[in-house]
Protein backbone atom coordinates (compact mmCIF):
# COMPACT_ATOMS: atom_id res chain seq x y z
CA MET A 1 187.71 143.13 -76.65
CA ILE A 2 189.78 140.04 -77.48
CA PHE A 3 189.44 139.14 -81.17
CA PRO A 4 189.29 135.52 -82.33
CA LYS A 5 192.72 133.98 -82.92
CA ASN A 6 194.64 135.58 -85.82
CA ILE A 7 191.94 138.17 -86.67
CA ILE A 8 193.32 141.70 -86.71
CA GLY A 9 191.67 145.05 -87.41
CA PRO A 10 190.46 148.33 -85.85
CA GLN A 11 189.46 148.22 -82.18
CA PHE A 12 186.73 150.42 -80.72
CA ALA A 13 188.61 150.92 -77.46
CA LYS A 14 191.36 152.69 -79.45
CA GLY A 15 188.93 154.72 -81.55
CA ASP A 16 188.37 158.46 -81.62
CA LEU A 17 185.79 159.96 -79.28
CA VAL A 18 183.11 161.89 -81.16
CA SER A 19 180.23 163.83 -79.58
CA PHE A 20 176.94 165.22 -80.86
CA HIS A 21 174.91 167.82 -79.01
CA PHE A 22 171.11 167.93 -78.88
CA ASN A 23 168.46 169.81 -76.95
CA GLY A 24 168.65 168.15 -73.56
CA ALA A 25 171.18 165.45 -74.47
CA GLU A 26 174.70 164.64 -75.62
CA LEU A 27 175.68 161.50 -77.54
CA THR A 28 179.28 160.26 -77.41
CA PHE A 29 180.83 157.14 -78.95
CA ARG A 30 184.19 155.83 -80.14
CA ALA A 31 184.62 155.72 -83.91
CA PRO A 32 187.20 153.11 -84.94
CA ILE A 33 190.30 154.37 -86.75
CA ILE A 34 189.91 153.02 -90.29
CA PRO A 35 192.94 152.38 -92.54
CA LYS A 36 192.92 154.65 -95.57
CA ASN A 37 192.36 152.79 -98.84
CA ASP A 38 189.95 152.85 -101.75
CA GLN A 39 187.85 149.96 -100.41
CA ASN A 40 187.19 151.47 -96.98
CA ILE A 41 184.63 154.09 -95.95
CA ASP A 42 185.23 156.44 -93.03
CA GLU A 43 182.60 159.14 -92.81
CA ILE A 44 181.75 160.95 -89.56
CA SER A 45 179.13 163.68 -89.76
CA PRO A 46 180.71 167.16 -89.57
CA LEU A 47 177.43 168.37 -88.08
CA LYS A 48 177.98 168.08 -84.33
CA ASN A 49 175.53 170.68 -82.97
CA LEU A 50 171.98 169.46 -83.60
CA ARG A 51 170.23 171.75 -81.15
CA ASN A 52 167.06 173.18 -82.77
CA ILE A 53 168.14 171.63 -86.07
CA ASN A 54 165.93 172.03 -89.16
CA THR A 55 165.54 168.63 -90.83
CA GLU A 56 163.59 169.68 -93.94
CA ASP A 57 166.57 169.05 -96.24
CA TRP A 58 167.59 165.72 -94.71
CA SER A 59 167.32 162.40 -96.52
CA ARG A 60 164.29 160.21 -95.81
CA ASN A 61 164.28 156.61 -94.67
CA ASP A 62 161.94 153.90 -95.96
CA GLN A 63 159.21 155.21 -93.66
CA GLY A 64 159.57 158.79 -94.89
CA ARG A 65 161.25 160.04 -91.73
CA PRO A 66 164.13 162.58 -91.86
CA CYS A 67 167.45 160.89 -91.15
CA ILE A 68 171.21 161.38 -91.40
CA GLN A 69 174.25 159.19 -90.83
CA LEU A 70 176.26 160.31 -87.82
CA ALA A 71 178.81 157.65 -88.75
CA GLN A 72 179.21 155.39 -91.76
CA GLN A 73 182.28 153.16 -91.74
CA MET A 74 183.36 150.11 -93.68
CA TRP A 75 186.61 148.18 -93.36
CA ALA A 76 188.12 144.70 -93.63
CA PHE A 77 189.46 142.43 -90.91
CA GLU A 78 192.59 140.50 -91.82
CA ASP A 79 194.13 137.15 -91.00
CA ALA A 80 197.38 137.85 -89.14
CA GLN A 81 199.25 134.97 -90.82
CA THR A 82 198.24 135.37 -94.47
CA LEU A 83 197.27 139.08 -94.33
CA ASP A 84 194.22 138.14 -96.41
CA ASP A 85 191.07 140.22 -95.94
CA ILE A 86 188.75 137.65 -94.37
CA ALA A 87 185.66 139.70 -93.43
CA GLN A 88 184.15 143.06 -94.30
CA CYS A 89 182.55 145.05 -91.50
CA SER A 90 179.92 147.75 -92.03
CA LEU A 91 178.98 150.07 -89.15
CA TYR A 92 176.22 152.70 -89.22
CA VAL A 93 175.08 155.17 -86.58
CA SER A 94 171.85 156.71 -87.89
CA LEU A 95 169.83 159.58 -86.46
CA ILE A 96 166.09 159.51 -87.16
CA GLU A 97 163.44 162.12 -86.37
CA VAL A 98 159.98 160.99 -85.25
CA THR A 99 156.76 162.66 -86.37
CA GLN A 100 155.59 165.95 -84.90
CA GLN A 101 152.73 164.11 -83.24
CA HIS A 102 155.13 161.67 -81.58
CA THR A 103 157.29 164.61 -80.51
CA ASP A 104 154.33 166.50 -79.01
CA GLN A 105 153.21 163.35 -77.16
CA ASN A 106 156.71 162.62 -75.80
CA ILE A 107 156.47 159.10 -77.21
CA LEU A 108 160.24 158.59 -76.93
CA LEU A 109 160.39 159.59 -73.27
CA THR A 110 158.42 156.69 -71.79
CA GLN A 111 159.71 153.15 -72.03
CA LYS A 112 156.46 151.47 -73.08
CA SER A 113 155.66 153.89 -75.89
CA PHE A 114 159.28 153.92 -77.11
CA ASP A 115 159.35 150.12 -77.25
CA GLU A 116 156.03 149.97 -79.10
CA LEU A 117 157.19 152.52 -81.68
CA MET A 118 160.44 150.63 -82.26
CA PHE A 119 158.52 147.35 -82.67
CA SER A 120 156.36 148.99 -85.32
CA TRP A 121 159.42 150.39 -87.11
CA MET A 122 161.04 146.96 -87.24
CA ASP A 123 157.85 145.34 -88.50
CA TYR A 124 157.54 147.96 -91.22
CA SER A 125 161.14 147.73 -92.41
CA PHE A 126 162.16 144.13 -91.78
CA ALA A 127 159.13 141.84 -91.36
CA ALA A 128 159.01 141.05 -95.10
CA HIS A 129 162.58 139.69 -94.87
CA GLU A 130 161.78 137.22 -92.10
CA GLU A 131 160.57 133.65 -92.25
CA VAL A 132 156.92 133.68 -91.22
CA ASP A 133 155.77 131.43 -88.40
CA GLU A 134 152.43 130.17 -89.70
CA SER A 135 151.37 129.10 -86.21
CA ASN A 136 151.75 132.61 -84.83
CA GLN A 137 151.48 135.43 -87.34
CA SER A 138 152.04 138.04 -84.60
CA LEU A 139 155.35 136.51 -83.46
CA ARG A 140 158.22 138.94 -83.86
CA PRO A 141 161.33 137.03 -84.94
CA TYR A 142 163.86 139.71 -84.03
CA LYS A 143 165.21 138.27 -80.76
CA ILE A 144 164.49 141.55 -79.01
CA THR A 145 166.31 142.30 -75.77
CA SER A 146 166.31 145.35 -73.53
CA ILE A 147 169.59 146.91 -72.40
CA GLU A 148 168.96 148.41 -68.99
CA LYS A 149 169.93 152.04 -68.53
CA GLN A 150 169.36 154.50 -65.70
CA TYR A 151 166.58 156.47 -67.36
CA LEU A 152 165.50 154.87 -70.65
CA ASN A 153 166.52 151.39 -71.75
CA TRP A 154 167.95 150.67 -75.19
CA LEU A 155 166.34 148.11 -77.47
CA LYS A 156 168.56 145.52 -79.19
CA ALA A 157 167.39 143.16 -81.91
CA GLN A 158 168.47 140.90 -84.78
CA VAL A 159 167.14 141.76 -88.25
CA ARG A 160 167.68 140.69 -91.85
CA PHE A 161 168.58 143.68 -94.01
CA THR A 162 167.67 141.60 -97.08
CA PRO A 163 165.83 138.26 -97.30
CA GLU A 164 169.03 136.50 -98.43
CA THR A 165 171.18 137.56 -95.47
CA SER A 166 171.39 136.11 -91.99
CA PRO A 167 170.23 138.31 -89.09
CA SER A 168 172.57 141.05 -87.87
CA PRO A 169 172.38 143.21 -84.74
CA ILE A 170 170.78 146.63 -84.40
CA CYS A 171 170.15 148.82 -81.37
CA MET A 172 167.77 151.74 -80.92
CA MET A 173 168.04 154.39 -78.24
CA THR A 174 166.26 157.61 -77.31
CA ILE A 175 168.19 160.86 -77.68
CA ASN A 176 165.40 163.24 -76.65
CA HIS A 177 161.69 163.81 -77.39
CA ARG A 178 162.51 164.24 -81.08
CA PHE A 179 165.31 161.85 -82.15
CA VAL A 180 166.19 158.17 -82.09
CA VAL A 181 169.63 156.73 -82.79
CA MET A 182 169.79 153.39 -84.58
CA VAL A 183 173.10 151.53 -84.60
CA SER A 184 173.76 148.58 -86.92
CA LEU A 185 176.75 146.39 -87.62
CA GLU A 186 177.18 143.66 -90.21
CA ILE A 187 180.09 141.34 -90.96
CA GLU A 188 180.33 139.63 -94.35
CA SER A 189 182.73 136.76 -95.03
CA LEU A 190 185.23 137.39 -97.86
CA HIS A 191 186.54 134.71 -100.21
CA TYR A 192 189.30 134.28 -102.79
CA THR A 193 189.24 132.01 -105.83
CA GLY A 194 190.81 128.67 -105.04
CA ARG A 195 191.27 129.39 -101.33
CA THR A 196 189.04 128.72 -98.35
CA ASN A 197 188.28 131.36 -95.75
CA PRO A 198 189.76 129.88 -92.53
CA TYR A 199 186.95 131.35 -90.44
CA SER A 200 183.57 129.63 -90.47
CA GLU A 201 180.28 131.50 -90.82
CA ASP A 202 179.45 130.57 -87.22
CA THR A 203 182.76 132.03 -86.00
CA LEU A 204 182.19 135.27 -87.90
CA LYS A 205 178.58 135.60 -86.71
CA GLN A 206 179.72 135.23 -83.11
CA PHE A 207 182.46 137.77 -83.80
CA GLU A 208 179.81 140.12 -85.22
CA LYS A 209 177.70 139.75 -82.09
CA ASN A 210 180.64 140.35 -79.74
CA LEU A 211 181.93 143.26 -81.81
CA PHE A 212 178.50 144.92 -81.75
CA ASP A 213 178.24 144.60 -77.98
CA ASP A 214 181.75 146.02 -77.69
CA PHE A 215 180.75 149.06 -79.76
CA LEU A 216 177.62 149.59 -77.63
CA SER A 217 179.78 149.59 -74.50
CA HIS A 218 181.52 152.71 -75.85
CA ILE A 219 178.30 154.67 -76.41
CA LYS A 220 177.16 157.18 -73.81
CA ILE A 221 174.01 159.30 -73.78
CA GLU A 222 173.90 162.02 -71.14
CA TYR A 223 170.59 163.77 -70.45
CA SER A 224 170.23 167.29 -69.04
CA PRO A 225 168.63 167.71 -65.59
CA GLU A 226 165.55 169.22 -67.31
CA LEU A 227 165.12 166.22 -69.62
CA ILE A 228 165.66 163.78 -66.75
CA GLU A 229 162.95 165.60 -64.79
CA LYS A 230 160.62 165.28 -67.78
CA ILE A 231 161.34 161.54 -68.14
CA GLN A 232 160.72 161.00 -64.44
CA SER A 233 157.48 162.99 -64.46
CA LEU A 234 156.14 160.96 -67.41
CA LYS A 235 157.17 157.76 -65.68
CA ASN A 236 155.24 158.75 -62.57
CA LYS A 237 152.14 159.41 -64.69
CA THR A 238 152.33 156.02 -66.43
CA PRO A 239 149.99 153.43 -64.87
CA ALA A 240 151.84 150.56 -63.26
C-alpha cells in the first residue's frame, strides 16, 4: 500500500505472519511490526490452538458473549519531514463465540443466517450511536458491503464506536460453526499546541479506509475439506 505523501509508519505487507488453529479452520494474518515505546500497544494472543477450546473463563462482550483479542495493537503514524506523530491507529482482531443454539443450528455456515446475525449484532451494539433517519426507522446506517469469498462472504461495515466519533470500518467473518472474527481499525488525528496537523480529517479518514482494506487483504481463512462439505450441504438445502 502507498501511504499519503510524507506519512510514515508500520506496513502490513512487512508484518509478521500469525496463525490460529480451530476445529475445521485456520486463520492467518499479518500483524504490523510496532515500534517499542510506552505509548504503543503490541499484544498478540499467545493462545494459537483454539481447537475444542473451553471459553468459560473468557471475557464477555456487551452482548454477554465470550470473546478474546487475537490482536490488539496501537501505534502512531509520523510526518516524514517534522517527525511529529500525526495520527494514532488502533487495530483489533477479536474472536467471539456465538450461542450454543446458534452453534447447533450452524447459523454461521450459511450466508443468509450469518448476515442476519451480524446485522442484529451491529444494531445491538452501535445503533444508539447513529443518527436516526426519522423517515425510515428500519434503515441501517452502517454502509454494509459484502466481500465475496469462495465459500462464505465477509461482511464489512462502518460504525460509530461512540456517538461523538465519525464512522470507522469493521469486518466480520466466519471461522467455523462456533466462532466469528471481528476486525476493526480506527485512526485518530493528533494535535500539538500552537501547531496545525498538516493532514485534514478527510485525508486521514480516506487513509483509514485504505489501510483497513490493506489489512483485510492480508487475512486468510482456510477451511478443512469436512467443513467445506458442511457449508456446501447447507447451501444446497437453502431455498433459492
